[in-house]
C-alpha cells in the first residue's frame, strides 16, 4: 500500500513541476531543469503497474512542453540579439561601452 502512495506522490510532483516548468519558460535554465525532473518523475511513477497514473501523464506532457518552451525562448532571445546587434561581438562591445559610461573607466 505505501508503494502505491509513493507512486502517486511522484505523479503529483511530476505534474506540479511540469506546470512550474511552463510558467518559468522565460527563465531558460529553471524551465529545462524542472521539465526534465518532471518527465523523469512521471516515468518513474509508473512503478510496477502497467499504466501510468493520470497526473504522471500530465506531468510528462507539461514537462516536455516546458523544455520545448525554454528552448524556444532561448532561440528567440539569441535571434533577437543577433538581429539587433548584427553579431555577438557587437553586443559585447555595446555592453562594455554601456558599463564604462555607467561605472567610469574603472572596469
Protein backbone atom coordinates (compact mmCIF):
# COMPACT_ATOMS: atom_id res chain seq x y z
CA UNK A 1 0.00 0.00 0.00
CA UNK A 2 2.78 2.51 0.79
CA UNK A 3 4.42 1.72 -2.56
CA UNK A 4 1.31 2.98 -4.35
CA UNK A 5 1.29 6.15 -2.21
CA UNK A 6 4.90 6.86 -3.22
CA UNK A 7 3.98 6.35 -6.85
CA UNK A 8 1.02 8.71 -6.56
CA UNK A 9 3.19 11.30 -4.81
CA UNK A 10 5.76 11.12 -7.61
CA UNK A 11 2.99 11.54 -10.18
CA UNK A 12 1.65 14.62 -8.38
CA UNK A 13 5.12 16.14 -8.09
CA UNK A 14 5.70 15.42 -11.75
CA UNK A 15 2.58 17.38 -12.65
CA UNK A 16 3.44 20.26 -10.29
CA UNK A 17 6.99 20.56 -11.63
CA UNK A 18 5.74 20.34 -15.22
CA UNK A 19 3.36 23.25 -14.69
CA UNK A 20 6.13 25.22 -12.95
CA UNK A 21 8.38 24.48 -15.92
CA UNK A 22 5.86 26.01 -18.31
CA UNK A 23 5.31 29.04 -16.07
CA UNK A 24 9.07 29.63 -15.82
CA UNK A 25 9.76 29.14 -19.53
CA UNK A 26 11.17 32.66 -19.87
CA UNK A 27 13.89 31.64 -17.41
CA UNK A 28 15.68 29.11 -19.56
CA UNK A 29 17.70 27.01 -17.11
CA UNK A 30 14.97 26.52 -14.46
CA UNK A 31 12.48 25.67 -17.17
CA UNK A 32 14.66 22.95 -18.68
CA UNK A 33 15.75 21.53 -15.31
CA UNK A 34 12.22 21.42 -13.87
CA UNK A 35 10.87 19.98 -17.12
CA UNK A 36 13.47 17.22 -17.10
CA UNK A 37 12.78 16.34 -13.46
CA UNK A 38 9.07 16.34 -14.23
CA UNK A 39 9.49 13.90 -17.10
CA UNK A 40 11.74 11.61 -15.05
CA UNK A 41 9.33 11.56 -12.10
CA UNK A 42 6.44 10.93 -14.46
CA UNK A 43 8.11 7.87 -15.92
CA UNK A 44 9.25 6.60 -12.52
CA UNK A 45 5.76 6.94 -11.04
CA UNK A 46 4.57 4.00 -13.10
CA UNK A 47 6.37 1.66 -10.75
CA UNK A 48 5.44 -1.94 -11.37
CA UNK A 49 1.97 -1.31 -12.77
CA UNK A 50 1.08 -1.48 -16.43
CA UNK A 51 -0.47 2.00 -16.63
CA UNK A 52 0.69 5.49 -15.77
CA UNK A 53 -1.40 7.46 -13.26
CA UNK A 54 -3.26 10.46 -14.68
CA UNK A 55 -1.09 13.11 -13.01
CA UNK A 56 2.01 11.33 -14.32
CA UNK A 57 0.80 11.64 -17.91
CA UNK A 58 0.02 15.32 -17.29
CA UNK A 59 3.48 15.75 -15.73
CA UNK A 60 5.24 14.13 -18.67
CA UNK A 61 3.34 16.28 -21.18
CA UNK A 62 3.78 19.55 -19.28
CA UNK A 63 7.46 18.75 -18.60
CA UNK A 64 8.13 18.22 -22.30
CA UNK A 65 6.23 21.40 -23.13
CA UNK A 66 8.27 23.33 -20.55
CA UNK A 67 11.53 22.06 -22.05
CA UNK A 68 10.39 22.98 -25.56
CA UNK A 69 9.19 26.44 -24.46
CA UNK A 70 12.52 27.05 -22.69
CA UNK A 71 14.48 26.13 -25.82
CA UNK A 72 12.21 28.30 -27.98
CA UNK A 73 12.69 31.28 -25.62
CA UNK A 74 16.47 30.79 -25.74
CA UNK A 75 16.49 30.59 -29.54
CA UNK A 76 14.20 33.62 -29.86
CA UNK A 77 16.34 35.65 -27.46
CA UNK A 78 19.52 34.74 -29.32
CA UNK A 79 17.86 35.56 -32.66
CA UNK A 80 16.72 38.96 -31.39
CA UNK A 81 20.22 39.68 -30.04
CA UNK A 82 21.79 38.89 -33.42
CA UNK A 83 19.06 40.82 -35.24
CA UNK A 84 19.62 43.91 -33.09
CA UNK A 85 23.43 43.97 -32.98
CA UNK A 86 24.50 42.01 -36.07
CA UNK A 87 26.76 39.62 -34.16
CA UNK A 88 27.61 38.66 -30.61
CA UNK A 89 30.85 40.69 -30.61
CA UNK A 90 28.94 43.89 -31.43
CA UNK A 91 26.64 43.18 -28.49
CA UNK A 92 29.61 42.71 -26.16
CA UNK A 93 31.23 45.94 -27.40
CA UNK A 94 27.99 47.85 -26.87
CA UNK A 95 27.61 46.31 -23.41
CA UNK A 96 31.17 47.23 -22.41
CA UNK A 97 30.60 50.79 -23.68
CA UNK A 98 27.49 51.00 -21.52
CA UNK A 99 29.33 49.66 -18.46
CA UNK A 100 32.20 52.12 -18.95
CA UNK A 101 29.81 55.05 -19.28
CA UNK A 102 27.86 53.98 -16.19
CA UNK A 103 30.71 52.99 -13.87
CA UNK A 104 33.52 55.03 -15.40
CA UNK A 105 36.73 53.62 -16.77
CA UNK A 106 37.48 51.57 -13.64
CA UNK A 107 36.27 48.36 -15.28
